Amino acid sequence: MADLLQLLKIPMQIHWAELFAPQTPFLEIFIRGSIIFLALFFFFRFVALRVSGSLSLNDILVIVLIADASQNAMAGNSNSITDGIFLVATILFWNFMIEAMEYYFKPLRRFLKAQPLLIVKDGAEVRQNMRKQLISHEELMEQLREQGIEDISEVRSAYLEDDGNISVLKKTPAEGRKNEQRDKKPWK
């Protein structure tokens, strides 16, 4: 067996101290992780409302950053496993803190969490808001059809939510009849 390993030139020595000994001070890891997480959070919060279809912005951010942090530790790019674990803990800490601030501090909620954006009002597109989020008429109609709505005139209001989904409030039957009567021309 040893001859086979020597033939394949597979190193048999594992440097356990290098695997687990921190190579970067924990405070530096915490500061780096905090700056990257918060910078990405605010970038996505203010630049890109439509980031997903079912995951929240924090969910996506945590998944991406944990994957990157873990990859650095696993690949051995001069980072120990301990460094990677601490960076993952830093990312999870900031995710929890932002969620807690959204929950406990109502004034911060408006700043930390995107508000729903009105894209349909009384059966008519709010084109200015659709343009801001680059939602085409075809894309809107596709979303409405997925919710069982064939005609936009059936919609009282529709909102682009902070998770990228479109929520729709249908008109009541009474509202629909009022609009039909208003649109009809009287016989002369």
N, C-alpha and C. Protein backbone atom coordinates (compact mmCIF):
# COMPACT_ATOMS: atom_id res chain seq x y z
N MET A 1 0.82 -1.20 0.00
CA MET A 1 0.00 0.00 0.00
C MET A 1 0.87 1.26 0.00
N ALA A 2 1.92 1.23 0.83
CA ALA A 2 2.82 2.38 0.91
C ALA A 2 3.49 2.61 -0.44
N ASP A 3 3.82 1.49 -1.12
CA ASP A 3 4.44 1.61 -2.44
C ASP A 3 3.49 2.28 -3.43
N LEU A 4 2.19 1.95 -3.34
CA LEU A 4 1.19 2.54 -4.23
C LEU A 4 1.05 4.04 -3.96
N LEU A 5 1.01 4.43 -2.68
CA LEU A 5 0.92 5.85 -2.32
C LEU A 5 2.16 6.61 -2.76
N GLN A 6 3.33 5.98 -2.58
CA GLN A 6 4.56 6.62 -2.99
C GLN A 6 4.60 6.75 -4.52
N LEU A 7 4.09 5.75 -5.20
CA LEU A 7 4.03 5.78 -6.65
C LEU A 7 3.11 6.90 -7.13
N LEU A 8 1.96 7.07 -6.46
CA LEU A 8 1.01 8.13 -6.83
C LEU A 8 1.42 9.49 -6.27
N LYS A 9 2.44 9.47 -5.39
CA LYS A 9 2.96 10.69 -4.76
C LYS A 9 1.88 11.45 -4.00
N ILE A 10 1.07 10.72 -3.26
CA ILE A 10 0.05 11.32 -2.40
C ILE A 10 0.69 11.56 -1.05
N PRO A 11 0.70 12.81 -0.60
CA PRO A 11 1.33 13.09 0.70
C PRO A 11 0.50 12.46 1.83
N MET A 12 1.18 11.85 2.76
CA MET A 12 0.51 11.19 3.87
C MET A 12 0.51 12.03 5.13
N GLN A 13 1.23 13.11 5.13
CA GLN A 13 1.32 13.91 6.33
C GLN A 13 0.21 14.96 6.35
N ILE A 14 -0.50 14.98 7.45
CA ILE A 14 -1.53 16.01 7.66
C ILE A 14 -0.99 16.94 8.73
N HIS A 15 -0.99 18.20 8.45
CA HIS A 15 -0.50 19.21 9.38
C HIS A 15 -1.68 19.71 10.21
N TRP A 16 -1.95 18.98 11.30
CA TRP A 16 -3.12 19.28 12.12
C TRP A 16 -3.08 20.69 12.70
N ALA A 17 -1.94 21.17 13.05
CA ALA A 17 -1.82 22.52 13.63
C ALA A 17 -2.24 23.58 12.61
N GLU A 18 -1.87 23.38 11.36
CA GLU A 18 -2.25 24.34 10.32
C GLU A 18 -3.74 24.30 10.03
N LEU A 19 -4.37 23.13 10.20
CA LEU A 19 -5.80 23.02 9.94
C LEU A 19 -6.63 23.82 10.93
N PHE A 20 -6.24 23.81 12.20
CA PHE A 20 -7.08 24.39 13.23
C PHE A 20 -6.51 25.64 13.89
N ALA A 21 -5.26 25.92 13.74
CA ALA A 21 -4.67 27.11 14.37
C ALA A 21 -5.10 28.35 13.59
N PRO A 22 -5.68 29.31 14.28
CA PRO A 22 -6.09 30.53 13.57
C PRO A 22 -4.88 31.22 12.94
N GLN A 23 -5.03 31.62 11.70
CA GLN A 23 -3.96 32.31 11.00
C GLN A 23 -4.21 33.80 10.92
N THR A 24 -5.44 34.22 11.25
CA THR A 24 -5.82 35.61 11.21
C THR A 24 -6.45 35.95 12.56
N PRO A 25 -6.13 37.12 13.12
CA PRO A 25 -6.75 37.49 14.40
C PRO A 25 -8.28 37.52 14.28
N PHE A 26 -8.96 37.01 15.32
CA PHE A 26 -10.42 36.95 15.30
C PHE A 26 -11.05 38.33 15.10
N LEU A 27 -10.48 39.36 15.70
CA LEU A 27 -11.05 40.71 15.54
C LEU A 27 -11.00 41.13 14.07
N GLU A 28 -9.91 40.82 13.38
CA GLU A 28 -9.81 41.15 11.96
C GLU A 28 -10.86 40.39 11.14
N ILE A 29 -11.04 39.10 11.46
CA ILE A 29 -12.06 38.32 10.76
C ILE A 29 -13.44 38.91 10.99
N PHE A 30 -13.73 39.28 12.25
CA PHE A 30 -15.03 39.86 12.59
C PHE A 30 -15.24 41.18 11.85
N ILE A 31 -14.25 42.03 11.83
CA ILE A 31 -14.38 43.33 11.15
C ILE A 31 -14.55 43.13 9.64
N ARG A 32 -13.74 42.28 9.03
CA ARG A 32 -13.86 42.01 7.59
C ARG A 32 -15.24 41.44 7.26
N GLY A 33 -15.66 40.42 8.00
CA GLY A 33 -16.96 39.81 7.76
C GLY A 33 -18.10 40.79 7.95
N SER A 34 -18.00 41.64 8.97
CA SER A 34 -19.04 42.64 9.25
C SER A 34 -19.14 43.66 8.13
N ILE A 35 -18.01 44.16 7.69
CA ILE A 35 -18.01 45.18 6.63
C ILE A 35 -18.60 44.61 5.34
N ILE A 36 -18.18 43.42 4.95
CA ILE A 36 -18.69 42.82 3.71
C ILE A 36 -20.18 42.53 3.82
N PHE A 37 -20.61 41.94 4.93
CA PHE A 37 -22.03 41.62 5.09
C PHE A 37 -22.88 42.89 5.04
N LEU A 38 -22.51 43.90 5.82
CA LEU A 38 -23.32 45.12 5.87
C LEU A 38 -23.29 45.87 4.54
N ALA A 39 -22.13 45.89 3.89
CA ALA A 39 -22.05 46.57 2.58
C ALA A 39 -22.95 45.88 1.57
N LEU A 40 -22.91 44.55 1.51
CA LEU A 40 -23.78 43.82 0.58
C LEU A 40 -25.24 43.97 0.95
N PHE A 41 -25.55 43.94 2.24
CA PHE A 41 -26.94 44.10 2.68
C PHE A 41 -27.49 45.43 2.18
N PHE A 42 -26.78 46.52 2.44
CA PHE A 42 -27.29 47.83 2.04
C PHE A 42 -27.28 48.01 0.52
N PHE A 43 -26.31 47.43 -0.16
CA PHE A 43 -26.31 47.50 -1.62
C PHE A 43 -27.58 46.83 -2.17
N PHE A 44 -27.85 45.61 -1.74
CA PHE A 44 -29.03 44.91 -2.24
C PHE A 44 -30.32 45.56 -1.77
N ARG A 45 -30.32 46.11 -0.58
CA ARG A 45 -31.54 46.74 -0.04
C ARG A 45 -31.95 47.95 -0.88
N PHE A 46 -30.98 48.75 -1.30
CA PHE A 46 -31.32 49.99 -1.99
C PHE A 46 -31.20 49.92 -3.51
N VAL A 47 -30.53 48.92 -4.03
CA VAL A 47 -30.35 48.84 -5.48
C VAL A 47 -31.25 47.81 -6.11
N ALA A 48 -31.37 46.64 -5.52
CA ALA A 48 -32.07 45.55 -6.18
C ALA A 48 -33.19 45.01 -5.30
N LEU A 49 -34.43 45.41 -5.59
CA LEU A 49 -35.57 44.89 -4.85
C LEU A 49 -35.91 43.49 -5.31
N ARG A 50 -35.82 43.25 -6.61
CA ARG A 50 -36.19 41.94 -7.16
C ARG A 50 -34.99 41.02 -7.19
N VAL A 51 -34.67 40.43 -6.05
CA VAL A 51 -33.51 39.57 -6.00
C VAL A 51 -33.85 38.09 -5.99
N SER A 52 -35.09 37.76 -5.73
CA SER A 52 -35.44 36.36 -5.65
C SER A 52 -36.92 36.17 -5.86
N GLY A 53 -37.35 34.92 -5.78
CA GLY A 53 -38.76 34.63 -5.90
C GLY A 53 -39.38 34.15 -4.61
N SER A 54 -38.59 33.56 -3.72
CA SER A 54 -39.18 33.06 -2.49
C SER A 54 -38.29 33.23 -1.28
N LEU A 55 -37.02 33.50 -1.48
CA LEU A 55 -36.12 33.72 -0.36
C LEU A 55 -36.03 35.21 -0.06
N SER A 56 -35.83 35.54 1.20
CA SER A 56 -35.65 36.94 1.55
C SER A 56 -34.23 37.37 1.20
N LEU A 57 -34.01 38.66 1.20
CA LEU A 57 -32.69 39.21 0.90
C LEU A 57 -31.67 38.67 1.90
N ASN A 58 -32.01 38.66 3.17
CA ASN A 58 -31.08 38.14 4.17
C ASN A 58 -30.75 36.68 3.91
N ASP A 59 -31.74 35.88 3.54
CA ASP A 59 -31.50 34.46 3.26
C ASP A 59 -30.47 34.28 2.15
N ILE A 60 -30.64 35.02 1.08
CA ILE A 60 -29.71 34.92 -0.05
C ILE A 60 -28.32 35.36 0.36
N LEU A 61 -28.25 36.48 1.07
CA LEU A 61 -26.96 37.01 1.50
C LEU A 61 -26.23 36.01 2.39
N VAL A 62 -26.93 35.44 3.33
CA VAL A 62 -26.31 34.48 4.25
C VAL A 62 -25.82 33.25 3.49
N ILE A 63 -26.62 32.75 2.59
CA ILE A 63 -26.23 31.57 1.83
C ILE A 63 -24.96 31.84 1.01
N VAL A 64 -24.94 32.96 0.31
CA VAL A 64 -23.79 33.28 -0.54
C VAL A 64 -22.53 33.51 0.29
N LEU A 65 -22.65 34.29 1.37
CA LEU A 65 -21.47 34.60 2.16
C LEU A 65 -20.96 33.39 2.93
N ILE A 66 -21.86 32.58 3.45
CA ILE A 66 -21.42 31.37 4.15
C ILE A 66 -20.74 30.42 3.18
N ALA A 67 -21.29 30.31 1.99
CA ALA A 67 -20.65 29.45 0.98
C ALA A 67 -19.24 29.94 0.68
N ASP A 68 -19.07 31.23 0.53
CA ASP A 68 -17.75 31.77 0.22
C ASP A 68 -16.80 31.61 1.41
N ALA A 69 -17.29 31.92 2.60
CA ALA A 69 -16.44 31.80 3.78
C ALA A 69 -16.03 30.35 4.02
N SER A 70 -16.96 29.45 3.85
CA SER A 70 -16.67 28.03 4.05
C SER A 70 -15.69 27.53 2.99
N GLN A 71 -15.86 27.99 1.77
CA GLN A 71 -14.99 27.57 0.68
C GLN A 71 -13.55 27.96 0.98
N ASN A 72 -13.34 29.17 1.49
CA ASN A 72 -11.98 29.60 1.80
C ASN A 72 -11.34 28.68 2.83
N ALA A 73 -12.10 28.32 3.85
CA ALA A 73 -11.54 27.45 4.90
C ALA A 73 -11.32 26.03 4.38
N MET A 74 -12.24 25.54 3.56
CA MET A 74 -12.12 24.17 3.07
C MET A 74 -11.01 24.03 2.04
N ALA A 75 -10.81 25.03 1.21
CA ALA A 75 -9.82 24.95 0.14
C ALA A 75 -8.41 25.16 0.65
N GLY A 76 -8.29 25.67 1.86
CA GLY A 76 -6.96 25.88 2.42
C GLY A 76 -6.23 27.05 1.81
N ASN A 77 -6.96 28.07 1.42
CA ASN A 77 -6.33 29.28 0.85
C ASN A 77 -5.74 30.13 1.98
N SER A 78 -4.77 29.59 2.68
CA SER A 78 -4.10 30.23 3.80
C SER A 78 -5.06 30.63 4.91
N ASN A 79 -6.21 30.00 4.97
CA ASN A 79 -7.15 30.20 6.07
C ASN A 79 -7.34 28.88 6.78
N SER A 80 -7.33 28.93 8.09
CA SER A 80 -7.56 27.70 8.84
C SER A 80 -9.05 27.42 8.92
N ILE A 81 -9.40 26.22 9.32
CA ILE A 81 -10.80 25.86 9.53
C ILE A 81 -11.39 26.76 10.61
N THR A 82 -10.61 27.06 11.63
CA THR A 82 -11.07 27.93 12.71
C THR A 82 -11.41 29.32 12.18
N ASP A 83 -10.57 29.85 11.29
CA ASP A 83 -10.87 31.15 10.67
C ASP A 83 -12.20 31.10 9.93
N GLY A 84 -12.42 30.05 9.16
CA GLY A 84 -13.66 29.92 8.39
C GLY A 84 -14.88 29.80 9.29
N ILE A 85 -14.76 29.01 10.36
CA ILE A 85 -15.88 28.84 11.29
C ILE A 85 -16.20 30.17 11.97
N PHE A 86 -15.18 30.91 12.35
CA PHE A 86 -15.43 32.20 13.00
C PHE A 86 -16.07 33.19 12.03
N LEU A 87 -15.65 33.17 10.78
CA LEU A 87 -16.26 34.06 9.79
C LEU A 87 -17.73 33.69 9.56
N VAL A 88 -18.04 32.41 9.49
CA VAL A 88 -19.43 31.97 9.37
C VAL A 88 -20.24 32.45 10.58
N ALA A 89 -19.66 32.33 11.77
CA ALA A 89 -20.34 32.80 12.99
C ALA A 89 -20.59 34.31 12.93
N THR A 90 -19.65 35.05 12.38
CA THR A 90 -19.82 36.50 12.24
C THR A 90 -20.98 36.82 11.30
N ILE A 91 -21.05 36.11 10.19
CA ILE A 91 -22.14 36.33 9.23
C ILE A 91 -23.49 36.00 9.86
N LEU A 92 -23.56 34.88 10.57
CA LEU A 92 -24.82 34.51 11.24
C LEU A 92 -25.18 35.52 12.32
N PHE A 93 -24.19 36.06 13.02
CA PHE A 93 -24.43 37.09 14.03
C PHE A 93 -25.10 38.30 13.39
N TRP A 94 -24.57 38.80 12.28
CA TRP A 94 -25.15 39.98 11.64
C TRP A 94 -26.53 39.69 11.06
N ASN A 95 -26.73 38.49 10.55
CA ASN A 95 -28.06 38.13 10.05
C ASN A 95 -29.07 38.19 11.20
N PHE A 96 -28.72 37.61 12.34
CA PHE A 96 -29.60 37.64 13.51
C PHE A 96 -29.83 39.07 13.98
N MET A 97 -28.78 39.87 14.04
CA MET A 97 -28.92 41.26 14.52
C MET A 97 -29.84 42.08 13.61
N ILE A 98 -29.72 41.93 12.31
CA ILE A 98 -30.59 42.69 11.40
C ILE A 98 -32.04 42.24 11.55
N GLU A 99 -32.25 40.93 11.65
CA GLU A 99 -33.61 40.41 11.86
C GLU A 99 -34.18 40.94 13.18
N ALA A 100 -33.37 40.94 14.24
CA ALA A 100 -33.83 41.42 15.55
C ALA A 100 -34.13 42.92 15.50
N MET A 101 -33.28 43.70 14.81
CA MET A 101 -33.54 45.14 14.71
C MET A 101 -34.82 45.41 13.93
N GLU A 102 -35.07 44.63 12.86
CA GLU A 102 -36.32 44.79 12.11
C GLU A 102 -37.52 44.49 12.99
N TYR A 103 -37.40 43.52 13.87
CA TYR A 103 -38.52 43.11 14.71
C TYR A 103 -38.75 44.07 15.88
N TYR A 104 -37.69 44.45 16.60
CA TYR A 104 -37.84 45.22 17.83
C TYR A 104 -37.88 46.73 17.63
N PHE A 105 -37.29 47.25 16.58
CA PHE A 105 -37.20 48.69 16.39
C PHE A 105 -37.98 49.11 15.15
N LYS A 106 -39.24 49.49 15.38
CA LYS A 106 -40.12 49.82 14.26
C LYS A 106 -39.56 50.94 13.37
N PRO A 107 -38.97 52.01 13.93
CA PRO A 107 -38.42 53.05 13.04
C PRO A 107 -37.34 52.52 12.09
N LEU A 108 -36.57 51.54 12.53
CA LEU A 108 -35.53 50.97 11.67
C LEU A 108 -36.10 50.04 10.62
N ARG A 109 -37.28 49.49 10.86
CA ARG A 109 -37.89 48.53 9.94
C ARG A 109 -38.04 49.12 8.54
N ARG A 110 -38.48 50.38 8.49
CA ARG A 110 -38.65 51.03 7.16
C ARG A 110 -37.34 51.15 6.42
N PHE A 111 -36.26 51.31 7.19
CA PHE A 111 -34.94 51.47 6.59
C PHE A 111 -34.32 50.13 6.21
N LEU A 112 -34.51 49.11 7.05
CA LEU A 112 -33.87 47.82 6.84
C LEU A 112 -34.64 46.90 5.91
N LYS A 113 -35.95 47.08 5.83
CA LYS A 113 -36.79 46.17 5.04
C LYS A 113 -37.51 46.98 3.96
N ALA A 114 -37.43 46.51 2.74
CA ALA A 114 -38.07 47.22 1.63
C ALA A 114 -39.59 47.17 1.79
N GLN A 115 -40.23 48.27 1.48
CA GLN A 115 -41.69 48.35 1.56
C GLN A 115 -42.28 47.80 0.26
N PRO A 116 -43.49 47.23 0.32
CA PRO A 116 -44.14 46.76 -0.91
C PRO A 116 -44.30 47.92 -1.90
N LEU A 117 -44.10 47.63 -3.18
CA LEU A 117 -44.18 48.65 -4.22
C LEU A 117 -45.43 48.40 -5.06
N LEU A 118 -46.32 49.38 -5.11
CA LEU A 118 -47.57 49.27 -5.87
C LEU A 118 -47.26 49.23 -7.37
N ILE A 119 -47.73 48.18 -8.05
CA ILE A 119 -47.48 48.08 -9.50
C ILE A 119 -48.78 48.01 -10.30
N VAL A 120 -49.92 47.73 -9.63
CA VAL A 120 -51.23 47.78 -10.29
C VAL A 120 -52.20 48.44 -9.32
N LYS A 121 -52.96 49.41 -9.83
CA LYS A 121 -53.96 50.08 -9.00
C LYS A 121 -55.25 50.18 -9.80
N ASP A 122 -56.33 49.64 -9.24
CA ASP A 122 -57.66 49.67 -9.87
C ASP A 122 -57.63 49.18 -11.32
N GLY A 123 -56.96 48.09 -11.56
CA GLY A 123 -56.93 47.47 -12.87
C GLY A 123 -56.01 48.14 -13.88
N ALA A 124 -55.18 49.08 -13.45
CA ALA A 124 -54.26 49.77 -14.36
C ALA A 124 -52.83 49.65 -13.83
N GLU A 125 -51.91 49.47 -14.75
CA GLU A 125 -50.49 49.37 -14.38
C GLU A 125 -49.99 50.71 -13.84
N VAL A 126 -49.16 50.66 -12.83
CA VAL A 126 -48.45 51.84 -12.34
C VAL A 126 -47.08 51.78 -13.00
N ARG A 127 -47.03 52.31 -14.20
CA ARG A 127 -45.85 52.14 -15.07
C ARG A 127 -44.57 52.72 -14.48
N GLN A 128 -44.68 53.82 -13.76
CA GLN A 128 -43.48 54.44 -13.17
C GLN A 128 -42.81 53.46 -12.21
N ASN A 129 -43.59 52.79 -11.36
CA ASN A 129 -43.03 51.83 -10.42
C ASN A 129 -42.55 50.57 -11.13
N MET A 130 -43.27 50.14 -12.16
CA MET A 130 -42.84 48.97 -12.93
C MET A 130 -41.51 49.27 -13.62
N ARG A 131 -41.36 50.46 -14.13
CA ARG A 131 -40.13 50.85 -14.81
C ARG A 131 -38.96 50.86 -13.84
N LYS A 132 -39.19 51.34 -12.60
CA LYS A 132 -38.12 51.36 -11.59
C LYS A 132 -37.55 49.97 -11.34
N GLN A 133 -38.43 48.96 -11.39
CA GLN A 133 -38.00 47.59 -11.10
C GLN A 133 -37.83 46.73 -12.35
N LEU A 134 -37.93 47.37 -13.52
CA LEU A 134 -37.76 46.70 -14.81
C LEU A 134 -38.73 45.52 -14.99
N ILE A 135 -39.98 45.75 -14.64
CA ILE A 135 -41.03 44.75 -14.82
C ILE A 135 -41.78 45.09 -16.10
N SER A 136 -41.77 44.19 -17.05
CA SER A 136 -42.48 44.43 -18.31
C SER A 136 -43.95 44.06 -18.15
N HIS A 137 -44.76 44.53 -19.08
CA HIS A 137 -46.19 44.18 -19.09
C HIS A 137 -46.34 42.67 -19.19
N GLU A 138 -45.56 42.04 -20.03
CA GLU A 138 -45.64 40.59 -20.23
C GLU A 138 -45.30 39.84 -18.94
N GLU A 139 -44.27 40.30 -18.24
CA GLU A 139 -43.88 39.65 -17.00
C GLU A 139 -44.98 39.80 -15.94
N LEU A 140 -45.57 40.98 -15.86
CA LEU A 140 -46.68 41.20 -14.92
C LEU A 140 -47.84 40.29 -15.24
N MET A 141 -48.21 40.22 -16.53
CA MET A 141 -49.34 39.38 -16.92
C MET A 141 -49.06 37.90 -16.62
N GLU A 142 -47.83 37.47 -16.80
CA GLU A 142 -47.45 36.10 -16.47
C GLU A 142 -47.68 35.83 -14.98
N GLN A 143 -47.26 36.77 -14.15
CA GLN A 143 -47.45 36.62 -12.70
C GLN A 143 -48.94 36.60 -12.34
N LEU A 144 -49.73 37.42 -12.99
CA LEU A 144 -51.17 37.45 -12.73
C LEU A 144 -51.82 36.14 -13.14
N ARG A 145 -51.44 35.62 -14.32
CA ARG A 145 -52.00 34.34 -14.77
C ARG A 145 -51.65 33.21 -13.81
N GLU A 146 -50.44 33.25 -13.26
CA GLU A 146 -50.05 32.21 -12.29
C GLU A 146 -50.93 32.25 -11.05
N GLN A 147 -51.56 33.39 -10.80
CA GLN A 147 -52.45 33.52 -9.65
C GLN A 147 -53.92 33.41 -10.06
N GLY A 148 -54.16 32.95 -11.28
CA GLY A 148 -55.52 32.69 -11.74
C GLY A 148 -56.27 33.93 -12.23
N ILE A 149 -55.54 34.96 -12.61
CA ILE A 149 -56.17 36.20 -13.09
C ILE A 149 -55.85 36.35 -14.57
N GLU A 150 -56.90 36.40 -15.39
CA GLU A 150 -56.70 36.50 -16.84
C GLU A 150 -56.64 37.94 -17.33
N ASP A 151 -57.37 38.82 -16.66
CA ASP A 151 -57.46 40.21 -17.12
C ASP A 151 -57.06 41.15 -15.99
N ILE A 152 -56.22 42.10 -16.30
CA ILE A 152 -55.73 43.04 -15.29
C ILE A 152 -56.86 43.85 -14.66
N SER A 153 -57.97 43.96 -15.36
CA SER A 153 -59.11 44.72 -14.82
C SER A 153 -59.72 44.03 -13.59
N GLU A 154 -59.37 42.76 -13.35
CA GLU A 154 -59.84 42.03 -12.17
C GLU A 154 -59.05 42.38 -10.91
N VAL A 155 -57.98 43.18 -11.05
CA VAL A 155 -57.07 43.45 -9.95
C VAL A 155 -57.38 44.80 -9.31
N ARG A 156 -57.61 44.78 -7.99
CA ARG A 156 -57.75 46.03 -7.24
C ARG A 156 -56.37 46.65 -7.05
N SER A 157 -55.41 45.82 -6.58
CA SER A 157 -54.03 46.28 -6.42
C SER A 157 -53.09 45.09 -6.45
N ALA A 158 -51.87 45.37 -6.89
CA ALA A 158 -50.81 44.36 -6.89
C ALA A 158 -49.54 45.04 -6.43
N TYR A 159 -48.78 44.30 -5.61
CA TYR A 159 -47.57 44.86 -5.02
C TYR A 159 -46.38 43.94 -5.28
N LEU A 160 -45.24 44.56 -5.56
CA LEU A 160 -43.98 43.83 -5.59
C LEU A 160 -43.48 43.80 -4.15
N GLU A 161 -43.39 42.61 -3.57
CA GLU A 161 -42.98 42.47 -2.18
C GLU A 161 -41.46 42.46 -2.06
N ASP A 162 -40.97 42.58 -0.83
CA ASP A 162 -39.53 42.66 -0.63
C ASP A 162 -38.80 41.37 -0.96
N ASP A 163 -39.52 40.26 -1.08
CA ASP A 163 -38.88 39.00 -1.44
C ASP A 163 -38.91 38.73 -2.94
N GLY A 164 -39.43 39.69 -3.72
CA GLY A 164 -39.46 39.54 -5.17
C GLY A 164 -40.77 38.99 -5.71
N ASN A 165 -41.66 38.51 -4.85
CA ASN A 165 -42.96 38.00 -5.28
C ASN A 165 -43.93 39.14 -5.51
N ILE A 166 -44.96 38.87 -6.31
CA ILE A 166 -46.02 39.85 -6.54
C ILE A 166 -47.27 39.36 -5.83
N SER A 167 -47.78 40.18 -4.91
CA SER A 167 -49.02 39.84 -4.23
C SER A 167 -50.16 40.62 -4.90
N VAL A 168 -51.31 39.97 -5.01
CA VAL A 168 -52.43 40.53 -5.76
C VAL A 168 -53.68 40.53 -4.90
N LEU A 169 -54.38 41.65 -4.90
CA LEU A 169 -55.69 41.75 -4.27
C LEU A 169 -56.70 41.92 -5.39
N LYS A 170 -57.63 40.95 -5.48
CA LYS A 170 -58.64 40.99 -6.54
C LYS A 170 -59.77 41.94 -6.16
N LYS A 171 -60.42 42.44 -7.17
CA LYS A 171 -61.61 43.25 -6.95
C LYS A 171 -62.73 42.34 -6.47
N THR A 172 -63.59 42.88 -5.64
CA THR A 172 -64.76 42.11 -5.22
C THR A 172 -65.76 42.11 -6.37
N PRO A 173 -66.71 41.17 -6.37
CA PRO A 173 -67.72 41.17 -7.43
C PRO A 173 -68.47 42.51 -7.53
N ALA A 174 -68.74 43.14 -6.38
CA ALA A 174 -69.43 44.43 -6.39
C ALA A 174 -68.59 45.50 -7.08
N GLU A 175 -67.29 45.51 -6.81
CA GLU A 175 -66.40 46.49 -7.46
C GLU A 175 -66.37 46.27 -8.97
N GLY A 176 -66.35 45.02 -9.38
CA GLY A 176 -66.33 44.70 -10.80
C GLY A 176 -67.59 45.18 -11.50
N ARG A 177 -68.75 45.00 -10.86
CA ARG A 177 -70.02 45.45 -11.46
C ARG A 177 -70.08 46.97 -11.55
N LYS A 178 -69.59 47.68 -10.53
CA LYS A 178 -69.58 49.14 -10.57
C LYS A 178 -68.75 49.63 -11.75
N ASN A 179 -67.58 49.02 -11.95
CA ASN A 179 -66.72 49.44 -13.06
C ASN A 179 -67.38 49.13 -14.40
N GLU A 180 -68.07 47.98 -14.51
CA GLU A 180 -68.75 47.63 -15.76
C GLU A 180 -69.86 48.63 -16.04
N GLN A 181 -70.65 49.01 -15.02
CA GLN A 181 -71.75 49.96 -15.21
C GLN A 181 -71.21 51.34 -15.58
N ARG A 182 -70.11 51.73 -14.97
CA ARG A 182 -69.53 53.03 -15.26
C ARG A 182 -69.02 53.08 -16.70
N ASP A 183 -68.49 51.96 -17.21
CA ASP A 183 -67.90 51.93 -18.54
C ASP A 183 -68.96 51.82 -19.64
N LYS A 184 -70.18 51.37 -19.29
CA LYS A 184 -71.25 51.23 -20.29
C LYS A 184 -71.80 52.60 -20.67
N LYS A 185 -72.11 52.74 -21.95
CA LYS A 185 -72.71 54.00 -22.41
C LYS A 185 -74.23 53.82 -22.42
N PRO A 186 -74.94 54.83 -21.93
CA PRO A 186 -76.42 54.71 -21.92
C PRO A 186 -76.97 54.77 -23.34
N TRP A 187 -78.11 54.07 -23.56
CA TRP A 187 -78.78 54.09 -24.87
C TRP A 187 -79.47 55.42 -25.04
N LYS A 188 -79.44 55.94 -26.24
CA LYS A 188 -80.13 57.21 -26.52
C LYS A 188 -81.29 56.98 -27.42
